[in-house]
Amino acid sequence: MLFTLFGDYAHPRRRDVPLAGLVHAGEALGLSEAAVRSAVARLAREGWIVSRRDGGRSRYGLSASGRSLIEEGTQRIYERRSRAWDGAWCMLTYTIPESKRAERDRIRRQLAWLGFGAMGGGTYVSARDVAPETIALLRKRGVHSYARVFSAKLVGPGEQADLVAQCWDLKDVAARYDAFVRHYEPLYKRDAALARKGAFEDSQAFVTRFALTHDFRRFPFIDPDLPPRLLPAKWPGTRARAIFGAHNRLLRAGAFRFFDAIARPDFA
């Protein structure tokens, strides 16, 4: 919840948020004050947010590492690759020793974020040009000496579709997109009708947009962002993204008015 709040609201506004405002936002979302305070303390301990004192009150904002994480996530959520795919795969191979197993496990989770799928035997491929990000990740985790990154093209045997099927379960990803569409398409139509009548409250816009973004934020972890030529016909991710974009635009103004109110320095 806090990452969504800071990423979707505080960071674009370049504002810190008083603890009372965070608690109020949590209450609007059905979370207890104790749960919000505990989460704030945990993110501060982990270095994602920092506390500042303002007139005897605590205000919280993103740290440098928190901003970096949010900016990367925002790009994946709100922006799509527009370049044509030239058939080149970013390929990673590694032989990370058992003594660094913890780092290996952390890297695997982050590779999915970069669009990598596992071929097996410590080999991963991504249709996105993410070599610089991959090398930076390997260096950050201290395992770059055990890995190599290539730009490669498939020449056979088999077709590109065979490689995609080997590395990703697109049927599962499609099912999740379908579920998102079934849930949010009716809500979008409802909210559009309310907005036309001028009957949509800012708090309602905030809560609905929060759920919308929170649910859509999961897709960059499971969707490898493949170019259209590698996707099945009538890919439901296209429809899901269109609904997300339209619903987000509808809710944005009211949701930000709610946030601006709770982010005031004197909010209590």
C-alpha atoms as a PDB file:
ATOM      1  CA  MET A   1       0.000   0.000   0.000  1.00  0.00           C
ATOM      2  CA  LEU A   2       2.739   2.443   0.930  1.00  0.00           C
ATOM      3  CA  PHE A   3       4.752   1.775  -2.218  1.00  0.00           C
ATOM      4  CA  THR A   4       1.663   2.486  -4.311  1.00  0.00           C
ATOM      5  CA  LEU A   5       0.933   5.652  -2.317  1.00  0.00           C
ATOM      6  CA  PHE A   6       4.470   6.994  -2.606  1.00  0.00           C
ATOM      7  CA  GLY A   7       4.925   5.862  -6.197  1.00  0.00           C
ATOM      8  CA  ASP A   8       1.597   7.037  -7.571  1.00  0.00           C
ATOM      9  CA  TYR A   9       1.119  10.200  -5.530  1.00  0.00           C
ATOM     10  CA  ALA A  10       3.969  11.460  -3.353  1.00  0.00           C
ATOM     11  CA  HIS A  11       6.711  10.973  -5.943  1.00  0.00           C
ATOM     12  CA  PRO A  12       4.934  12.720  -8.862  1.00  0.00           C
ATOM     13  CA  ARG A  13       4.071  15.602  -6.504  1.00  0.00           C
ATOM     14  CA  ARG A  14       7.601  15.615  -5.014  1.00  0.00           C
ATOM     15  CA  ARG A  15       6.049  15.803  -1.563  1.00  0.00           C
ATOM     16  CA  ASP A  16       6.520  14.241   1.828  1.00  0.00           C
ATOM     17  CA  VAL A  17       3.456  12.960   3.671  1.00  0.00           C
ATOM     18  CA  PRO A  18       2.719  13.423   7.394  1.00  0.00           C
ATOM     19  CA  LEU A  19       2.207  10.247   9.381  1.00  0.00           C
ATOM     20  CA  ALA A  20      -1.370  11.323  10.103  1.00  0.00           C
ATOM     21  CA  GLY A  21      -1.993  11.532   6.362  1.00  0.00           C
ATOM     22  CA  LEU A  22      -0.623   8.035   5.798  1.00  0.00           C
ATOM     23  CA  VAL A  23      -2.855   6.717   8.572  1.00  0.00           C
ATOM     24  CA  HIS A  24      -5.905   8.471   7.059  1.00  0.00           C
ATOM     25  CA  ALA A  25      -5.151   7.003   3.619  1.00  0.00           C
ATOM     26  CA  GLY A  26      -4.820   3.574   5.191  1.00  0.00           C
ATOM     27  CA  GLU A  27      -8.160   3.954   6.946  1.00  0.00           C
ATOM     28  CA  ALA A  28      -9.817   4.863   3.637  1.00  0.00           C
ATOM     29  CA  LEU A  29      -8.423   1.610   2.264  1.00  0.00           C
ATOM     30  CA  GLY A  30      -9.609  -0.438   5.239  1.00  0.00           C
ATOM     31  CA  LEU A  31      -6.303  -0.679   7.097  1.00  0.00           C
ATOM     32  CA  SER A  32      -5.848  -0.088  10.808  1.00  0.00           C
ATOM     33  CA  GLU A  33      -3.663   2.659  12.231  1.00  0.00           C
ATOM     34  CA  ALA A  34      -1.432   0.025  13.856  1.00  0.00           C
ATOM     35  CA  ALA A  35      -0.894  -1.735  10.531  1.00  0.00           C
ATOM     36  CA  VAL A  36       0.044   1.506   8.767  1.00  0.00           C
ATOM     37  CA  ARG A  37       2.426   2.586  11.527  1.00  0.00           C
ATOM     38  CA  SER A  38       4.085  -0.827  11.486  1.00  0.00           C
ATOM     39  CA  ALA A  39       4.508  -0.723   7.696  1.00  0.00           C
ATOM     40  CA  VAL A  40       5.934   2.812   7.816  1.00  0.00           C
ATOM     41  CA  ALA A  41       8.477   1.761  10.444  1.00  0.00           C
ATOM     42  CA  ARG A  42       9.481  -1.274   8.409  1.00  0.00           C
ATOM     43  CA  LEU A  43      10.018   0.681   5.175  1.00  0.00           C
ATOM     44  CA  ALA A  44      12.064   3.241   7.095  1.00  0.00           C
ATOM     45  CA  ARG A  45      14.239   0.490   8.617  1.00  0.00           C
ATOM     46  CA  GLU A  46      14.771  -1.039   5.181  1.00  0.00           C
ATOM     47  CA  GLY A  47      15.835   2.324   3.775  1.00  0.00           C
ATOM     48  CA  TRP A  48      13.018   2.853   1.249  1.00  0.00           C
ATOM     49  CA  ILE A  49      11.620   5.938   2.970  1.00  0.00           C
ATOM     50  CA  VAL A  50      13.104   8.566   5.267  1.00  0.00           C
ATOM     51  CA  SER A  51      11.579  10.538   8.125  1.00  0.00           C
ATOM     52  CA  ARG A  52      11.817  14.304   8.464  1.00  0.00           C
ATOM     53  CA  ARG A  53      10.639  16.449  11.357  1.00  0.00           C
ATOM     54  CA  ASP A  54       8.433  19.421  10.544  1.00  0.00           C
ATOM     55  CA  GLY A  55       7.153  21.460  13.462  1.00  0.00           C
ATOM     56  CA  GLY A  56       7.345  18.500  15.796  1.00  0.00           C
ATOM     57  CA  ARG A  57       5.545  16.202  13.357  1.00  0.00           C
ATOM     58  CA  SER A  58       6.988  13.346  11.344  1.00  0.00           C
ATOM     59  CA  ARG A  59       6.795  13.524   7.558  1.00  0.00           C
ATOM     60  CA  TYR A  60       7.899  10.724   5.279  1.00  0.00           C
ATOM     61  CA  GLY A  61       9.349  10.747   1.778  1.00  0.00           C
ATOM     62  CA  LEU A  62      11.188   8.386  -0.522  1.00  0.00           C
ATOM     63  CA  SER A  63      14.892   7.786  -0.063  1.00  0.00           C
ATOM     64  CA  ALA A  64      17.236   7.752  -3.064  1.00  0.00           C
ATOM     65  CA  SER A  65      16.893   3.970  -3.369  1.00  0.00           C
ATOM     66  CA  GLY A  66      13.135   4.257  -2.978  1.00  0.00           C
ATOM     67  CA  ARG A  67      12.928   6.807  -5.782  1.00  0.00           C
ATOM     68  CA  SER A  68      15.012   4.572  -8.049  1.00  0.00           C
ATOM     69  CA  LEU A  69      12.723   1.616  -7.446  1.00  0.00           C
ATOM     70  CA  ILE A  70       9.568   3.669  -7.959  1.00  0.00           C
ATOM     71  CA  GLU A  71      10.809   5.263 -11.192  1.00  0.00           C
ATOM     72  CA  GLU A  72      11.674   1.868 -12.641  1.00  0.00           C
ATOM     73  CA  GLY A  73       8.301   0.461 -11.662  1.00  0.00           C
ATOM     74  CA  THR A  74       6.387   3.477 -12.974  1.00  0.00           C
ATOM     75  CA  GLN A  75       8.037   3.125 -16.370  1.00  0.00           C
ATOM     76  CA  ARG A  76       6.952  -0.509 -16.649  1.00  0.00           C
ATOM     77  CA  ILE A  77       3.386   0.219 -15.512  1.00  0.00           C
ATOM     78  CA  TYR A  78       2.563   3.374 -17.449  1.00  0.00           C
ATOM     79  CA  GLU A  79       4.799   3.079 -20.503  1.00  0.00           C
ATOM     80  CA  ARG A  80       5.063   0.432 -23.209  1.00  0.00           C
ATOM     81  CA  ARG A  81       7.947  -0.327 -25.512  1.00  0.00           C
ATOM     82  CA  SER A  82       7.352   1.325 -28.868  1.00  0.00           C
ATOM     83  CA  ARG A  83      10.412   0.186 -30.803  1.00  0.00           C
ATOM     84  CA  ALA A  84      10.130  -2.577 -33.379  1.00  0.00           C
ATOM     85  CA  TRP A  85      11.720  -5.854 -32.336  1.00  0.00           C
ATOM     86  CA  ASP A  86      14.725  -6.835 -34.463  1.00  0.00           C
ATOM     87  CA  GLY A  87      14.685 -10.487 -33.419  1.00  0.00           C
ATOM     88  CA  ALA A  88      17.546 -10.110 -30.929  1.00  0.00           C
ATOM     89  CA  TRP A  89      17.255 -11.707 -27.499  1.00  0.00           C
ATOM     90  CA  CYS A  90      19.114 -10.491 -24.448  1.00  0.00           C
ATOM     91  CA  MET A  91      20.626 -13.706 -23.072  1.00  0.00           C
ATOM     92  CA  LEU A  92      22.041 -14.216 -19.600  1.00  0.00           C
ATOM     93  CA  THR A  93      24.019 -17.255 -18.515  1.00  0.00           C
ATOM     94  CA  TYR A  94      25.426 -17.806 -15.053  1.00  0.00           C
ATOM     95  CA  THR A  95      27.025 -20.430 -12.829  1.00  0.00           C
ATOM     96  CA  ILE A  96      26.607 -18.853  -9.409  1.00  0.00           C
ATOM     97  CA  PRO A  97      28.102 -21.122  -6.718  1.00  0.00           C
ATOM     98  CA  GLU A  98      26.072 -22.621  -3.886  1.00  0.00           C
ATOM     99  CA  SER A  99      27.889 -20.388  -1.413  1.00  0.00           C
ATOM    100  CA  LYS A 100      26.049 -17.439  -2.999  1.00  0.00           C
ATOM    101  CA  ARG A 101      22.678 -19.143  -3.145  1.00  0.00           C
ATOM    102  CA  ALA A 102      20.880 -16.269  -1.409  1.00  0.00           C
ATOM    103  CA  GLU A 103      22.083 -13.813  -4.048  1.00  0.00           C
ATOM    104  CA  ARG A 104      21.106 -16.236  -6.804  1.00  0.00           C
ATOM    105  CA  ASP A 105      17.561 -16.461  -5.458  1.00  0.00           C
ATOM    106  CA  ARG A 106      17.257 -12.677  -5.221  1.00  0.00           C
ATOM    107  CA  ILE A 107      18.493 -12.280  -8.784  1.00  0.00           C
ATOM    108  CA  ARG A 108      15.944 -14.762 -10.117  1.00  0.00           C
ATOM    109  CA  ARG A 109      13.109 -12.665  -8.741  1.00  0.00           C
ATOM    110  CA  GLN A 110      14.522  -9.495 -10.281  1.00  0.00           C
ATOM    111  CA  LEU A 111      15.130 -11.144 -13.639  1.00  0.00           C
ATOM    112  CA  ALA A 112      11.383 -11.640 -14.067  1.00  0.00           C
ATOM    113  CA  TRP A 113      10.957  -7.888 -13.599  1.00  0.00           C
ATOM    114  CA  LEU A 114      13.397  -7.337 -16.477  1.00  0.00           C
ATOM    115  CA  GLY A 115      11.342  -9.616 -18.734  1.00  0.00           C
ATOM    116  CA  PHE A 116      13.560 -12.695 -18.522  1.00  0.00           C
ATOM    117  CA  GLY A 117      12.273 -16.237 -18.865  1.00  0.00           C
ATOM    118  CA  ALA A 118      14.222 -19.334 -17.857  1.00  0.00           C
ATOM    119  CA  MET A 119      15.468 -21.697 -20.547  1.00  0.00           C
ATOM    120  CA  GLY A 120      17.048 -23.956 -17.925  1.00  0.00           C
ATOM    121  CA  GLY A 121      20.604 -24.630 -16.849  1.00  0.00           C
ATOM    122  CA  GLY A 122      21.205 -21.088 -15.624  1.00  0.00           C
ATOM    123  CA  THR A 123      20.237 -19.532 -18.976  1.00  0.00           C
ATOM    124  CA  TYR A 124      17.638 -16.772 -19.330  1.00  0.00           C
ATOM    125  CA  VAL A 125      16.341 -14.751 -22.283  1.00  0.00           C
ATOM    126  CA  SER A 126      14.442 -11.491 -22.616  1.00  0.00           C
ATOM    127  CA  ALA A 127      13.025  -9.926 -25.773  1.00  0.00           C
ATOM    128  CA  ARG A 128      13.761  -6.513 -24.275  1.00  0.00           C
ATOM    129  CA  ASP A 129      17.117  -4.775 -24.637  1.00  0.00           C
ATOM    130  CA  VAL A 130      17.981  -4.890 -20.944  1.00  0.00           C
ATOM    131  CA  ALA A 131      21.702  -5.689 -21.079  1.00  0.00           C
ATOM    132  CA  PRO A 132      22.782  -2.542 -19.158  1.00  0.00           C
ATOM    133  CA  GLU A 133      20.192  -3.154 -16.425  1.00  0.00           C
ATOM    134  CA  THR A 134      21.165  -6.826 -16.212  1.00  0.00           C
ATOM    135  CA  ILE A 135      24.871  -6.087 -15.864  1.00  0.00           C
ATOM    136  CA  ALA A 136      24.105  -3.445 -13.227  1.00  0.00           C
ATOM    137  CA  LEU A 137      22.027  -5.995 -11.307  1.00  0.00           C
ATOM    138  CA  LEU A 138      24.815  -8.583 -11.421  1.00  0.00           C
ATOM    139  CA  ARG A 139      27.364  -6.056 -10.182  1.00  0.00           C
ATOM    140  CA  LYS A 140      25.060  -4.851  -7.426  1.00  0.00           C
ATOM    141  CA  ARG A 141      24.609  -8.420  -6.163  1.00  0.00           C
ATOM    142  CA  GLY A 142      28.349  -9.101  -6.449  1.00  0.00           C
ATOM    143  CA  VAL A 143      28.049 -12.049  -8.872  1.00  0.00           C
ATOM    144  CA  HIS A 144      29.097 -10.454 -12.170  1.00  0.00           C
ATOM    145  CA  SER A 145      32.219 -12.634 -12.368  1.00  0.00           C
ATOM    146  CA  TYR A 146      29.981 -15.730 -12.593  1.00  0.00           C
ATOM    147  CA  ALA A 147      27.790 -14.468 -15.433  1.00  0.00           C
ATOM    148  CA  ARG A 148      27.808 -13.422 -19.081  1.00  0.00           C
ATOM    149  CA  VAL A 149      25.297 -11.337 -21.041  1.00  0.00           C
ATOM    150  CA  PHE A 150      24.833 -11.760 -24.796  1.00  0.00           C
ATOM    151  CA  SER A 151      22.771 -10.358 -27.634  1.00  0.00           C
ATOM    152  CA  ALA A 152      21.631 -13.431 -29.562  1.00  0.00           C
ATOM    153  CA  LYS A 153      19.312 -14.538 -32.371  1.00  0.00           C
ATOM    154  CA  LEU A 154      17.543 -17.862 -32.647  1.00  0.00           C
ATOM    155  CA  VAL A 155      18.586 -19.754 -35.788  1.00  0.00           C
ATOM    156  CA  GLY A 156      17.050 -23.109 -34.854  1.00  0.00           C
ATOM    157  CA  PRO A 157      16.067 -25.753 -34.343  1.00  0.00           C
ATOM    158  CA  GLY A 158      12.452 -24.717 -33.808  1.00  0.00           C
ATOM    159  CA  GLU A 159      10.699 -21.381 -34.160  1.00  0.00           C
ATOM    160  CA  GLN A 160      10.450 -18.283 -31.983  1.00  0.00           C
ATOM    161  CA  ALA A 161       7.076 -19.540 -30.704  1.00  0.00           C
ATOM    162  CA  ASP A 162       8.771 -22.686 -29.405  1.00  0.00           C
ATOM    163  CA  LEU A 163      11.250 -20.609 -27.413  1.00  0.00           C
ATOM    164  CA  VAL A 164       8.465 -18.461 -25.986  1.00  0.00           C
ATOM    165  CA  ALA A 165       6.513 -21.567 -24.911  1.00  0.00           C
ATOM    166  CA  GLN A 166       9.650 -22.961 -23.261  1.00  0.00           C
ATOM    167  CA  CYS A 167      10.288 -19.830 -21.208  1.00  0.00           C
ATOM    168  CA  TRP A 168       6.850 -18.478 -20.282  1.00  0.00           C
ATOM    169  CA  ASP A 169       3.378 -19.755 -19.456  1.00  0.00           C
ATOM    170  CA  LEU A 170       1.462 -17.203 -21.514  1.00  0.00           C
ATOM    171  CA  LYS A 171      -1.825 -19.033 -20.943  1.00  0.00           C
ATOM    172  CA  ASP A 172      -1.550 -18.275 -17.242  1.00  0.00           C
ATOM    173  CA  VAL A 173      -0.649 -14.628 -17.900  1.00  0.00           C
ATOM    174  CA  ALA A 174      -3.584 -14.330 -20.324  1.00  0.00           C
ATOM    175  CA  ALA A 175      -5.963 -15.803 -17.730  1.00  0.00           C
ATOM    176  CA  ARG A 176      -4.876 -13.178 -15.217  1.00  0.00           C
ATOM    177  CA  TYR A 177      -5.379 -10.392 -17.746  1.00  0.00           C
ATOM    178  CA  ASP A 178      -8.848 -11.794 -18.515  1.00  0.00           C
ATOM    179  CA  ALA A 179      -9.702 -11.724 -14.810  1.00  0.00           C
ATOM    180  CA  PHE A 180      -8.528  -8.103 -14.581  1.00  0.00           C
ATOM    181  CA  VAL A 181     -10.749  -7.147 -17.537  1.00  0.00           C
ATOM    182  CA  ARG A 182     -13.791  -8.950 -16.114  1.00  0.00           C
ATOM    183  CA  HIS A 183     -13.370  -7.143 -12.804  1.00  0.00           C
ATOM    184  CA  TYR A 184     -12.509  -3.622 -13.933  1.00  0.00           C
ATOM    185  CA  GLU A 185     -14.451  -3.153 -17.177  1.00  0.00           C
ATOM    186  CA  PRO A 186     -17.815  -2.958 -15.339  1.00  0.00           C
ATOM    187  CA  LEU A 187     -16.289  -0.694 -12.688  1.00  0.00           C
ATOM    188  CA  TYR A 188     -14.972   1.639 -15.367  1.00  0.00           C
ATOM    189  CA  LYS A 189     -18.430   1.905 -16.960  1.00  0.00           C
ATOM    190  CA  ARG A 190     -19.971   2.553 -13.535  1.00  0.00           C
ATOM    191  CA  ASP A 191     -17.458   5.262 -12.643  1.00  0.00           C
ATOM    192  CA  ALA A 192     -17.758   6.919 -16.055  1.00  0.00           C
ATOM    193  CA  ALA A 193     -21.532   7.177 -15.542  1.00  0.00           C
ATOM    194  CA  LEU A 194     -21.048   8.642 -12.050  1.00  0.00           C
ATOM    195  CA  ALA A 195     -18.505  11.143 -13.358  1.00  0.00           C
ATOM    196  CA  ARG A 196     -20.929  12.328 -16.047  1.00  0.00           C
ATOM    197  CA  LYS A 197     -23.485  13.012 -13.302  1.00  0.00           C
ATOM    198  CA  GLY A 198     -20.912  14.800 -11.130  1.00  0.00           C
ATOM    199  CA  ALA A 199     -21.574  12.262  -8.373  1.00  0.00           C
ATOM    200  CA  PHE A 200     -18.068  10.923  -7.907  1.00  0.00           C
ATOM    201  CA  GLU A 201     -16.375  11.848  -4.627  1.00  0.00           C
ATOM    202  CA  ASP A 202     -12.633  12.400  -4.356  1.00  0.00           C
ATOM    203  CA  SER A 203     -12.251   9.768  -1.655  1.00  0.00           C
ATOM    204  CA  GLN A 204     -14.030   7.232  -3.862  1.00  0.00           C
ATOM    205  CA  ALA A 205     -11.763   8.128  -6.788  1.00  0.00           C
ATOM    206  CA  PHE A 206      -8.709   7.627  -4.565  1.00  0.00           C
ATOM    207  CA  VAL A 207      -9.818   4.224  -3.248  1.00  0.00           C
ATOM    208  CA  THR A 208     -10.816   2.918  -6.682  1.00  0.00           C
ATOM    209  CA  ARG A 209      -7.695   4.214  -8.418  1.00  0.00           C
ATOM    210  CA  PHE A 210      -5.581   2.765  -5.638  1.00  0.00           C
ATOM    211  CA  ALA A 211      -7.051  -0.710  -6.152  1.00  0.00           C
ATOM    212  CA  LEU A 212      -6.762  -0.362  -9.932  1.00  0.00           C
ATOM    213  CA  THR A 213      -3.075   0.537  -9.800  1.00  0.00           C
ATOM    214  CA  HIS A 214      -2.276  -1.986  -7.085  1.00  0.00           C
ATOM    215  CA  ASP A 215      -3.797  -4.818  -9.120  1.00  0.00           C
ATOM    216  CA  PHE A 216      -2.219  -3.755 -12.415  1.00  0.00           C
ATOM    217  CA  ARG A 217       1.179  -3.284 -10.768  1.00  0.00           C
ATOM    218  CA  ARG A 218       1.515  -7.070 -10.520  1.00  0.00           C
ATOM    219  CA  PHE A 219       1.655  -7.629 -14.280  1.00  0.00           C
ATOM    220  CA  PRO A 220       5.237  -6.418 -14.879  1.00  0.00           C
ATOM    221  CA  PHE A 221       6.358  -9.289 -12.630  1.00  0.00           C
ATOM    222  CA  ILE A 222       4.633 -11.959 -14.741  1.00  0.00           C
ATOM    223  CA  ASP A 223       4.307 -10.407 -18.216  1.00  0.00           C
ATOM    224  CA  PRO A 224       7.651 -10.469 -20.078  1.00  0.00           C
ATOM    225  CA  ASP A 225       6.524  -7.555 -22.300  1.00  0.00           C
ATOM    226  CA  LEU A 226       7.010  -9.514 -25.519  1.00  0.00           C
ATOM    227  CA  PRO A 227       6.717  -7.764 -28.887  1.00  0.00           C
ATOM    228  CA  PRO A 228       3.381  -8.270 -30.682  1.00  0.00           C
ATOM    229  CA  ARG A 229       4.800 -10.743 -33.195  1.00  0.00           C
ATOM    230  CA  LEU A 230       5.603 -13.152 -30.362  1.00  0.00           C
ATOM    231  CA  LEU A 231       2.183 -12.932 -28.716  1.00  0.00           C
ATOM    232  CA  PRO A 232      -0.947 -15.002 -29.398  1.00  0.00           C
ATOM    233  CA  ALA A 233      -3.713 -13.424 -31.472  1.00  0.00           C
ATOM    234  CA  LYS A 234      -6.163 -11.234 -29.510  1.00  0.00           C
ATOM    235  CA  TRP A 235      -3.764 -10.934 -26.585  1.00  0.00           C
ATOM    236  CA  PRO A 236      -5.897  -9.885 -23.550  1.00  0.00           C
ATOM    237  CA  GLY A 237      -3.080  -7.788 -22.157  1.00  0.00           C
ATOM    238  CA  THR A 238      -3.863  -5.192 -24.812  1.00  0.00           C
ATOM    239  CA  ARG A 239      -7.459  -4.859 -23.622  1.00  0.00           C
ATOM    240  CA  ALA A 240      -6.408  -4.869 -19.968  1.00  0.00           C
ATOM    241  CA  ARG A 241      -3.924  -2.042 -20.552  1.00  0.00           C
ATOM    242  CA  ALA A 242      -6.525  -0.003 -22.440  1.00  0.00           C
ATOM    243  CA  ILE A 243      -9.016  -0.333 -19.570  1.00  0.00           C
ATOM    244  CA  PHE A 244      -6.317   0.483 -17.038  1.00  0.00           C
ATOM    245  CA  GLY A 245      -5.315   3.619 -18.941  1.00  0.00           C
ATOM    246  CA  ALA A 246      -8.857   4.895 -19.465  1.00  0.00           C
ATOM    247  CA  HIS A 247      -9.956   4.194 -15.887  1.00  0.00           C
ATOM    248  CA  ASN A 248      -6.796   5.761 -14.486  1.00  0.00           C
ATOM    249  CA  ARG A 249      -7.358   8.955 -16.481  1.00  0.00           C
ATOM    250  CA  LEU A 250     -10.958   9.125 -15.279  1.00  0.00           C
ATOM    251  CA  LEU A 251      -9.986   8.836 -11.605  1.00  0.00           C
ATOM    252  CA  ARG A 252      -6.736  10.783 -11.568  1.00  0.00           C
ATOM    253  CA  ALA A 253      -7.949  14.332 -10.813  1.00  0.00           C
ATOM    254  CA  GLY A 254     -10.201  13.370  -7.912  1.00  0.00           C
ATOM    255  CA  ALA A 255      -7.668  10.941  -6.461  1.00  0.00           C
ATOM    256  CA  PHE A 256      -4.944  13.595  -6.460  1.00  0.00           C
ATOM    257  CA  ARG A 257      -7.247  16.107  -4.781  1.00  0.00           C
ATOM    258  CA  PHE A 258      -7.731  13.573  -1.976  1.00  0.00           C
ATOM    259  CA  PHE A 259      -3.971  13.023  -1.718  1.00  0.00           C
ATOM    260  CA  ASP A 260      -3.171  16.749  -1.724  1.00  0.00           C
ATOM    261  CA  ALA A 261      -5.514  17.160   1.230  1.00  0.00           C
ATOM    262  CA  ILE A 262      -3.867  14.455   3.370  1.00  0.00           C
ATOM    263  CA  ALA A 263      -0.349  15.583   2.376  1.00  0.00           C
ATOM    264  CA  ARG A 264      -0.789  19.089   3.811  1.00  0.00           C
ATOM    265  CA  PRO A 265       1.838  19.828   6.483  1.00  0.00           C
ATOM    266  CA  ASP A 266      -0.912  20.687   8.980  1.00  0.00           C
ATOM    267  CA  PHE A 267      -2.998  17.567   8.344  1.00  0.00           C
ATOM    268  CA  ALA A 268      -3.894  15.899  11.630  1.00  0.00           C
END
